[in-house]
Amino acid sequence: MRQVARETQPSIHMSSQVEVTSLDENSMKRMVLSIEKRINENMQMRTKYGDKPERFMDSELELYQELKRLHVLATAPELYPTFVRTRCVPSLLGLLAHENSDISIDVVDLLREMAESEDAAPNDLLVLVTALLDNGAAALLMEHMGRLSEAEEEEAAAVHSSLAIFESMLEAKPEAASELAQGAGLLGWLLARVKVRGFHANKLYASELLAVLLQERWRRGRGEAGEMYGRCTGDVREIYAR
């Protein structure tokens, strides 16, 4: 189905410009209702006409446009607690498995913008990050990165955005380090990424995030965590000594 996604991308990109207005609690709730409706409609059309992209393309475009409108939420982080209560977070995370990469990548971009909002109060950001973690965002982001090719510019950018989300999670909730490192498999992915020869912005970011992750694990425990810190930092030093 990845081929179908590639074939439908041009139509979506040509119509990606949407009008975004200021946001308050009521308008945010209306946007959530609208995107939930578009998600359900697109799912129904894809189920019914899975082998006929021209039949579900309109619903896909409408879903993509609703996602673009939702980006304005990053400018109103004070609404994060209310947004979380709408239960829209699980719906958005479900779109990471969408067969159209335009849809799934835009979800990553949206989550990154929300997690990196400069105006977010620590408590509001913590509410968002906690909701993401409670709904399996770490594992879902890892699965999504596994389907991306860094040889493609847009997909490489999505990997970078995913790493930015993980970094924001660690900053907002440092105690999630163990969950991210082992539960979601982020530690193994970072180690594998920094071992790849040649320079790439994602390799640099992976090494920086790896250092943050290991330092947090070390700060919060000894024993197994300390041994892992020693082994991993030794691997990283060996990589950069080549």
C-alpha atoms as a PDB file:
ATOM      1  CA  MET A   1       0.000   0.000   0.000  1.00  0.00           C
ATOM      2  CA  ARG A   2       3.051   2.252   0.259  1.00  0.00           C
ATOM      3  CA  GLN A   3       2.915   2.596  -3.525  1.00  0.00           C
ATOM      4  CA  VAL A   4      -0.626   3.899  -3.294  1.00  0.00           C
ATOM      5  CA  ALA A   5       0.536   6.501  -0.793  1.00  0.00           C
ATOM      6  CA  ARG A   6       3.250   7.661  -3.151  1.00  0.00           C
ATOM      7  CA  GLU A   7       0.799   7.948  -6.024  1.00  0.00           C
ATOM      8  CA  THR A   8      -1.670  10.038  -4.030  1.00  0.00           C
ATOM      9  CA  GLN A   9       0.844  12.441  -2.516  1.00  0.00           C
ATOM     10  CA  PRO A  10       0.819  15.066  -5.304  1.00  0.00           C
ATOM     11  CA  SER A  11      -2.895  15.780  -4.904  1.00  0.00           C
ATOM     12  CA  ILE A  12      -2.505  16.221  -1.171  1.00  0.00           C
ATOM     13  CA  HIS A  13       0.500  18.509  -1.412  1.00  0.00           C
ATOM     14  CA  MET A  14      -1.155  20.764  -3.959  1.00  0.00           C
ATOM     15  CA  SER A  15      -4.003  21.351  -1.519  1.00  0.00           C
ATOM     16  CA  SER A  16      -2.028  21.574   1.706  1.00  0.00           C
ATOM     17  CA  GLN A  17      -2.622  25.302   2.226  1.00  0.00           C
ATOM     18  CA  VAL A  18      -5.442  25.772   4.711  1.00  0.00           C
ATOM     19  CA  GLU A  19      -6.775  28.743   6.600  1.00  0.00           C
ATOM     20  CA  VAL A  20      -5.742  28.705  10.258  1.00  0.00           C
ATOM     21  CA  THR A  21      -7.442  30.975  12.764  1.00  0.00           C
ATOM     22  CA  SER A  22      -6.791  31.794  16.402  1.00  0.00           C
ATOM     23  CA  LEU A  23      -7.829  29.157  18.900  1.00  0.00           C
ATOM     24  CA  ASP A  24      -9.886  29.093  22.072  1.00  0.00           C
ATOM     25  CA  GLU A  25     -11.378  26.179  23.984  1.00  0.00           C
ATOM     26  CA  ASN A  26     -14.626  26.048  22.020  1.00  0.00           C
ATOM     27  CA  SER A  27     -12.998  26.288  18.598  1.00  0.00           C
ATOM     28  CA  MET A  28     -10.444  23.662  19.631  1.00  0.00           C
ATOM     29  CA  LYS A  29     -13.224  21.252  20.595  1.00  0.00           C
ATOM     30  CA  ARG A  30     -14.929  21.844  17.248  1.00  0.00           C
ATOM     31  CA  MET A  31     -11.667  21.082  15.476  1.00  0.00           C
ATOM     32  CA  VAL A  32     -11.315  17.854  17.447  1.00  0.00           C
ATOM     33  CA  LEU A  33     -14.835  16.778  16.513  1.00  0.00           C
ATOM     34  CA  SER A  34     -14.088  17.586  12.886  1.00  0.00           C
ATOM     35  CA  ILE A  35     -10.852  15.634  12.730  1.00  0.00           C
ATOM     36  CA  GLU A  36     -12.419  12.635  14.474  1.00  0.00           C
ATOM     37  CA  LYS A  37     -15.130  12.708  11.815  1.00  0.00           C
ATOM     38  CA  ARG A  38     -12.556  12.884   9.002  1.00  0.00           C
ATOM     39  CA  ILE A  39     -10.566  10.016  10.493  1.00  0.00           C
ATOM     40  CA  ASN A  40     -13.648   7.800  10.633  1.00  0.00           C
ATOM     41  CA  GLU A  41     -14.759   8.757   7.132  1.00  0.00           C
ATOM     42  CA  ASN A  42     -11.342   8.061   5.652  1.00  0.00           C
ATOM     43  CA  MET A  43     -11.137   4.725   7.442  1.00  0.00           C
ATOM     44  CA  GLN A  44     -14.528   3.711   6.072  1.00  0.00           C
ATOM     45  CA  MET A  45     -13.670   4.771   2.528  1.00  0.00           C
ATOM     46  CA  ARG A  46     -10.307   2.993   2.598  1.00  0.00           C
ATOM     47  CA  THR A  47     -11.951  -0.168   3.928  1.00  0.00           C
ATOM     48  CA  LYS A  48     -14.604  -0.070   1.214  1.00  0.00           C
ATOM     49  CA  TYR A  49     -12.425   1.025  -1.707  1.00  0.00           C
ATOM     50  CA  GLY A  50      -8.949  -0.100  -0.670  1.00  0.00           C
ATOM     51  CA  ASP A  51      -7.899  -0.971  -4.221  1.00  0.00           C
ATOM     52  CA  LYS A  52      -9.397   2.177  -5.774  1.00  0.00           C
ATOM     53  CA  PRO A  53      -7.489   5.205  -4.454  1.00  0.00           C
ATOM     54  CA  GLU A  54      -9.515   7.578  -6.583  1.00  0.00           C
ATOM     55  CA  ARG A  55     -12.567   6.654  -4.498  1.00  0.00           C
ATOM     56  CA  PHE A  56     -11.023   7.474  -1.116  1.00  0.00           C
ATOM     57  CA  MET A  57      -8.749  10.329  -2.195  1.00  0.00           C
ATOM     58  CA  ASP A  58     -11.248  13.081  -1.350  1.00  0.00           C
ATOM     59  CA  SER A  59     -11.632  11.805   2.211  1.00  0.00           C
ATOM     60  CA  GLU A  60      -7.836  11.601   2.495  1.00  0.00           C
ATOM     61  CA  LEU A  61      -7.436  15.201   1.396  1.00  0.00           C
ATOM     62  CA  GLU A  62     -10.083  16.363   3.871  1.00  0.00           C
ATOM     63  CA  LEU A  63      -8.316  14.486   6.669  1.00  0.00           C
ATOM     64  CA  TYR A  64      -4.969  16.019   5.692  1.00  0.00           C
ATOM     65  CA  GLN A  65      -6.461  19.515   5.696  1.00  0.00           C
ATOM     66  CA  GLU A  66      -7.973  18.979   9.154  1.00  0.00           C
ATOM     67  CA  LEU A  67      -4.580  17.875  10.425  1.00  0.00           C
ATOM     68  CA  LYS A  68      -3.032  21.054   9.043  1.00  0.00           C
ATOM     69  CA  ARG A  69      -5.649  23.152  10.824  1.00  0.00           C
ATOM     70  CA  LEU A  70      -4.864  21.404  14.098  1.00  0.00           C
ATOM     71  CA  HIS A  71      -1.269  22.694  13.979  1.00  0.00           C
ATOM     72  CA  VAL A  72      -2.559  25.961  15.436  1.00  0.00           C
ATOM     73  CA  LEU A  73      -2.908  24.117  18.748  1.00  0.00           C
ATOM     74  CA  ALA A  74       0.866  24.490  19.215  1.00  0.00           C
ATOM     75  CA  THR A  75       0.290  28.252  19.568  1.00  0.00           C
ATOM     76  CA  ALA A  76      -2.110  27.724  22.479  1.00  0.00           C
ATOM     77  CA  PRO A  77      -0.376  25.266  24.836  1.00  0.00           C
ATOM     78  CA  GLU A  78      -2.596  26.399  27.685  1.00  0.00           C
ATOM     79  CA  LEU A  79      -5.272  24.304  25.961  1.00  0.00           C
ATOM     80  CA  TYR A  80      -3.229  21.076  26.144  1.00  0.00           C
ATOM     81  CA  PRO A  81      -5.012  19.784  29.274  1.00  0.00           C
ATOM     82  CA  THR A  82      -8.415  20.323  27.659  1.00  0.00           C
ATOM     83  CA  PHE A  83      -7.163  18.801  24.417  1.00  0.00           C
ATOM     84  CA  VAL A  84      -5.987  15.704  26.265  1.00  0.00           C
ATOM     85  CA  ARG A  85      -9.396  15.349  27.917  1.00  0.00           C
ATOM     86  CA  THR A  86     -11.065  15.210  24.488  1.00  0.00           C
ATOM     87  CA  ARG A  87      -9.334  11.854  23.945  1.00  0.00           C
ATOM     88  CA  CYS A  88      -8.025  12.988  20.587  1.00  0.00           C
ATOM     89  CA  VAL A  89      -4.472  11.906  21.414  1.00  0.00           C
ATOM     90  CA  PRO A  90      -5.140   8.183  20.780  1.00  0.00           C
ATOM     91  CA  SER A  91      -6.820   9.058  17.472  1.00  0.00           C
ATOM     92  CA  LEU A  92      -3.813  11.073  16.315  1.00  0.00           C
ATOM     93  CA  LEU A  93      -1.389   8.362  17.371  1.00  0.00           C
ATOM     94  CA  GLY A  94      -3.443   5.847  15.416  1.00  0.00           C
ATOM     95  CA  LEU A  95      -2.717   7.869  12.284  1.00  0.00           C
ATOM     96  CA  LEU A  96       0.986   7.038  12.624  1.00  0.00           C
ATOM     97  CA  ALA A  97       0.039   3.702  11.075  1.00  0.00           C
ATOM     98  CA  HIS A  98      -1.812   5.350   8.178  1.00  0.00           C
ATOM     99  CA  GLU A  99      -0.888   3.939   4.784  1.00  0.00           C
ATOM    100  CA  ASN A 100      -0.429   7.397   3.306  1.00  0.00           C
ATOM    101  CA  SER A 101       2.932   8.708   4.475  1.00  0.00           C
ATOM    102  CA  ASP A 102       1.764  12.322   4.047  1.00  0.00           C
ATOM    103  CA  ILE A 103      -0.788  11.724   6.803  1.00  0.00           C
ATOM    104  CA  SER A 104       1.510   9.908   9.214  1.00  0.00           C
ATOM    105  CA  ILE A 105       4.389  12.358   8.729  1.00  0.00           C
ATOM    106  CA  ASP A 106       2.119  15.333   9.336  1.00  0.00           C
ATOM    107  CA  VAL A 107       1.058  13.775  12.640  1.00  0.00           C
ATOM    108  CA  VAL A 108       4.736  13.600  13.600  1.00  0.00           C
ATOM    109  CA  ASP A 109       5.190  17.253  12.633  1.00  0.00           C
ATOM    110  CA  LEU A 110       2.120  18.244  14.645  1.00  0.00           C
ATOM    111  CA  LEU A 111       3.297  16.398  17.755  1.00  0.00           C
ATOM    112  CA  ARG A 112       6.770  17.923  17.428  1.00  0.00           C
ATOM    113  CA  GLU A 113       5.352  21.451  17.169  1.00  0.00           C
ATOM    114  CA  MET A 114       3.157  20.870  20.214  1.00  0.00           C
ATOM    115  CA  ALA A 115       5.960  19.315  22.271  1.00  0.00           C
ATOM    116  CA  GLU A 116       8.383  22.107  21.359  1.00  0.00           C
ATOM    117  CA  SER A 117       6.001  25.011  21.958  1.00  0.00           C
ATOM    118  CA  GLU A 118       8.096  27.784  23.502  1.00  0.00           C
ATOM    119  CA  ASP A 119       5.088  29.255  25.278  1.00  0.00           C
ATOM    120  CA  ALA A 120       4.105  26.029  27.030  1.00  0.00           C
ATOM    121  CA  ALA A 121       4.071  26.067  30.818  1.00  0.00           C
ATOM    122  CA  PRO A 122       5.888  23.025  32.268  1.00  0.00           C
ATOM    123  CA  ASN A 123       2.691  21.599  33.752  1.00  0.00           C
ATOM    124  CA  ASP A 124       0.771  21.908  30.481  1.00  0.00           C
ATOM    125  CA  LEU A 125       3.588  20.232  28.569  1.00  0.00           C
ATOM    126  CA  LEU A 126       3.771  17.480  31.158  1.00  0.00           C
ATOM    127  CA  VAL A 127       0.059  16.776  30.681  1.00  0.00           C
ATOM    128  CA  LEU A 128       0.633  16.371  26.943  1.00  0.00           C
ATOM    129  CA  VAL A 129       3.740  14.207  27.298  1.00  0.00           C
ATOM    130  CA  THR A 130       2.082  12.005  29.907  1.00  0.00           C
ATOM    131  CA  ALA A 131      -0.906  11.476  27.619  1.00  0.00           C
ATOM    132  CA  LEU A 132       1.406  10.574  24.731  1.00  0.00           C
ATOM    133  CA  LEU A 133       3.335   8.067  26.828  1.00  0.00           C
ATOM    134  CA  ASP A 134       0.197   6.576  28.385  1.00  0.00           C
ATOM    135  CA  ASN A 135      -1.184   5.956  24.900  1.00  0.00           C
ATOM    136  CA  GLY A 136       1.919   4.214  23.584  1.00  0.00           C
ATOM    137  CA  ALA A 137       3.376   7.095  21.586  1.00  0.00           C
ATOM    138  CA  ALA A 138       6.973   5.974  22.115  1.00  0.00           C
ATOM    139  CA  ALA A 139       6.486   2.531  20.595  1.00  0.00           C
ATOM    140  CA  LEU A 140       4.293   3.914  17.799  1.00  0.00           C
ATOM    141  CA  LEU A 141       6.891   6.539  16.887  1.00  0.00           C
ATOM    142  CA  MET A 142       9.562   3.842  16.831  1.00  0.00           C
ATOM    143  CA  GLU A 143       7.439   1.680  14.533  1.00  0.00           C
ATOM    144  CA  HIS A 144       6.828   4.661  12.276  1.00  0.00           C
ATOM    145  CA  MET A 145      10.534   5.505  12.071  1.00  0.00           C
ATOM    146  CA  GLY A 146      11.147   1.910  11.049  1.00  0.00           C
ATOM    147  CA  ARG A 147       9.031   2.468   7.951  1.00  0.00           C
ATOM    148  CA  LEU A 148      10.864   5.631   6.905  1.00  0.00           C
ATOM    149  CA  SER A 149      13.811   5.893   4.543  1.00  0.00           C
ATOM    150  CA  GLU A 150      16.372   8.561   5.345  1.00  0.00           C
ATOM    151  CA  ALA A 151      17.342   8.501   1.679  1.00  0.00           C
ATOM    152  CA  GLU A 152      14.144  10.497   1.109  1.00  0.00           C
ATOM    153  CA  GLU A 153      14.457  14.110   2.274  1.00  0.00           C
ATOM    154  CA  GLU A 154      10.933  14.368   3.650  1.00  0.00           C
ATOM    155  CA  GLU A 155      11.203  11.075   5.503  1.00  0.00           C
ATOM    156  CA  ALA A 156      14.627  11.958   6.905  1.00  0.00           C
ATOM    157  CA  ALA A 157      13.045  15.155   8.240  1.00  0.00           C
ATOM    158  CA  ALA A 158      10.302  13.054   9.859  1.00  0.00           C
ATOM    159  CA  VAL A 159      12.950  10.953  11.620  1.00  0.00           C
ATOM    160  CA  HIS A 160      14.523  14.171  12.914  1.00  0.00           C
ATOM    161  CA  SER A 161      11.113  15.360  14.130  1.00  0.00           C
ATOM    162  CA  SER A 162      10.545  12.036  15.886  1.00  0.00           C
ATOM    163  CA  LEU A 163      13.852  12.399  17.728  1.00  0.00           C
ATOM    164  CA  ALA A 164      12.808  15.921  18.711  1.00  0.00           C
ATOM    165  CA  ILE A 165       9.620  14.505  20.244  1.00  0.00           C
ATOM    166  CA  PHE A 166      11.638  12.002  22.259  1.00  0.00           C
ATOM    167  CA  GLU A 167      13.912  14.797  23.444  1.00  0.00           C
ATOM    168  CA  SER A 168      10.907  16.855  24.544  1.00  0.00           C
ATOM    169  CA  MET A 169       9.531  13.832  26.391  1.00  0.00           C
ATOM    170  CA  LEU A 170      12.791  13.470  28.308  1.00  0.00           C
ATOM    171  CA  GLU A 171      12.876  17.169  29.150  1.00  0.00           C
ATOM    172  CA  ALA A 172       9.278  17.225  30.385  1.00  0.00           C
ATOM    173  CA  LYS A 173       9.385  13.844  32.118  1.00  0.00           C
ATOM    174  CA  PRO A 174      12.966  12.687  32.814  1.00  0.00           C
ATOM    175  CA  GLU A 175      11.726   9.623  34.698  1.00  0.00           C
ATOM    176  CA  ALA A 176      10.468   8.252  31.361  1.00  0.00           C
ATOM    177  CA  ALA A 177      14.072   7.543  30.326  1.00  0.00           C
ATOM    178  CA  SER A 178      13.848   3.839  31.141  1.00  0.00           C
ATOM    179  CA  GLU A 179      10.525   3.459  29.339  1.00  0.00           C
ATOM    180  CA  LEU A 180      11.917   5.124  26.238  1.00  0.00           C
ATOM    181  CA  ALA A 181      15.310   3.415  26.329  1.00  0.00           C
ATOM    182  CA  GLN A 182      14.219  -0.174  26.753  1.00  0.00           C
ATOM    183  CA  GLY A 183      10.436  -0.332  26.662  1.00  0.00           C
ATOM    184  CA  ALA A 184      10.197   1.421  23.283  1.00  0.00           C
ATOM    185  CA  GLY A 185      13.601   0.337  22.011  1.00  0.00           C
ATOM    186  CA  LEU A 186      14.947   3.852  21.550  1.00  0.00           C
ATOM    187  CA  LEU A 187      18.354   3.026  23.049  1.00  0.00           C
ATOM    188  CA  GLY A 188      19.012   0.242  20.542  1.00  0.00           C
ATOM    189  CA  TRP A 189      17.866   2.409  17.641  1.00  0.00           C
ATOM    190  CA  LEU A 190      20.131   5.290  18.662  1.00  0.00           C
ATOM    191  CA  LEU A 191      23.142   3.019  19.058  1.00  0.00           C
ATOM    192  CA  ALA A 192      22.528   1.462  15.652  1.00  0.00           C
ATOM    193  CA  ARG A 193      22.074   4.889  14.060  1.00  0.00           C
ATOM    194  CA  VAL A 194      25.297   6.381  15.363  1.00  0.00           C
ATOM    195  CA  LYS A 195      27.225   3.345  14.129  1.00  0.00           C
ATOM    196  CA  VAL A 196      26.271   4.055  10.520  1.00  0.00           C
ATOM    197  CA  ARG A 197      29.272   5.500   8.703  1.00  0.00           C
ATOM    198  CA  GLY A 198      29.157   8.949   7.141  1.00  0.00           C
ATOM    199  CA  PHE A 199      27.846  12.260   8.421  1.00  0.00           C
ATOM    200  CA  HIS A 200      24.136  12.999   8.596  1.00  0.00           C
ATOM    201  CA  ALA A 201      22.181  15.489  10.680  1.00  0.00           C
ATOM    202  CA  ASN A 202      20.123  12.628  12.099  1.00  0.00           C
ATOM    203  CA  LYS A 203      23.281  10.799  13.156  1.00  0.00           C
ATOM    204  CA  LEU A 204      24.444  13.874  15.038  1.00  0.00           C
ATOM    205  CA  TYR A 205      21.038  14.312  16.660  1.00  0.00           C
ATOM    206  CA  ALA A 206      20.975  10.616  17.574  1.00  0.00           C
ATOM    207  CA  SER A 207      24.350  10.911  19.316  1.00  0.00           C
ATOM    208  CA  GLU A 208      23.180  13.951  21.286  1.00  0.00           C
ATOM    209  CA  LEU A 209      19.942  12.263  22.307  1.00  0.00           C
ATOM    210  CA  LEU A 210      21.836   9.105  23.216  1.00  0.00           C
ATOM    211  CA  ALA A 211      24.033  11.108  25.598  1.00  0.00           C
ATOM    212  CA  VAL A 212      20.984  12.704  27.236  1.00  0.00           C
ATOM    213  CA  LEU A 213      19.232   9.356  27.578  1.00  0.00           C
ATOM    214  CA  LEU A 214      22.221   7.593  29.101  1.00  0.00           C
ATOM    215  CA  GLN A 215      23.011  10.432  31.485  1.00  0.00           C
ATOM    216  CA  GLU A 216      19.432  10.386  32.740  1.00  0.00           C
ATOM    217  CA  ARG A 217      19.559   6.631  33.235  1.00  0.00           C
ATOM    218  CA  TRP A 218      22.853   7.004  35.105  1.00  0.00           C
ATOM    219  CA  ARG A 219      21.535   9.824  37.271  1.00  0.00           C
ATOM    220  CA  ARG A 220      18.510   7.819  38.334  1.00  0.00           C
ATOM    221  CA  GLY A 221      20.210   4.525  39.128  1.00  0.00           C
ATOM    222  CA  ARG A 222      23.289   2.392  39.384  1.00  0.00           C
ATOM    223  CA  GLY A 223      23.744  -1.337  38.895  1.00  0.00           C
ATOM    224  CA  GLU A 224      22.345  -2.438  35.550  1.00  0.00           C
ATOM    225  CA  ALA A 225      21.774   1.146  34.408  1.00  0.00           C
ATOM    226  CA  GLY A 226      25.329   2.062  35.310  1.00  0.00           C
ATOM    227  CA  GLU A 227      26.736  -0.963  33.497  1.00  0.00           C
ATOM    228  CA  MET A 228      24.675  -0.107  30.414  1.00  0.00           C
ATOM    229  CA  TYR A 229      25.919   3.483  30.557  1.00  0.00           C
ATOM    230  CA  GLY A 230      29.510   2.257  30.589  1.00  0.00           C
ATOM    231  CA  ARG A 231      29.012  -0.188  27.731  1.00  0.00           C
ATOM    232  CA  CYS A 232      27.140   2.297  25.551  1.00  0.00           C
ATOM    233  CA  THR A 233      29.472   5.221  26.110  1.00  0.00           C
ATOM    234  CA  GLY A 234      32.335   2.866  25.276  1.00  0.00           C
ATOM    235  CA  ASP A 235      30.579   1.976  22.011  1.00  0.00           C
ATOM    236  CA  VAL A 236      30.040   5.631  21.163  1.00  0.00           C
ATOM    237  CA  ARG A 237      33.680   6.506  21.858  1.00  0.00           C
ATOM    238  CA  GLU A 238      34.782   3.629  19.638  1.00  0.00           C
ATOM    239  CA  ILE A 239      32.504   4.832  16.839  1.00  0.00           C
ATOM    240  CA  TYR A 240      33.888   8.372  16.861  1.00  0.00           C
ATOM    241  CA  ALA A 241      37.457   7.134  17.218  1.00  0.00           C
ATOM    242  CA  ARG A 242      37.255   5.453  13.811  1.00  0.00           C
END
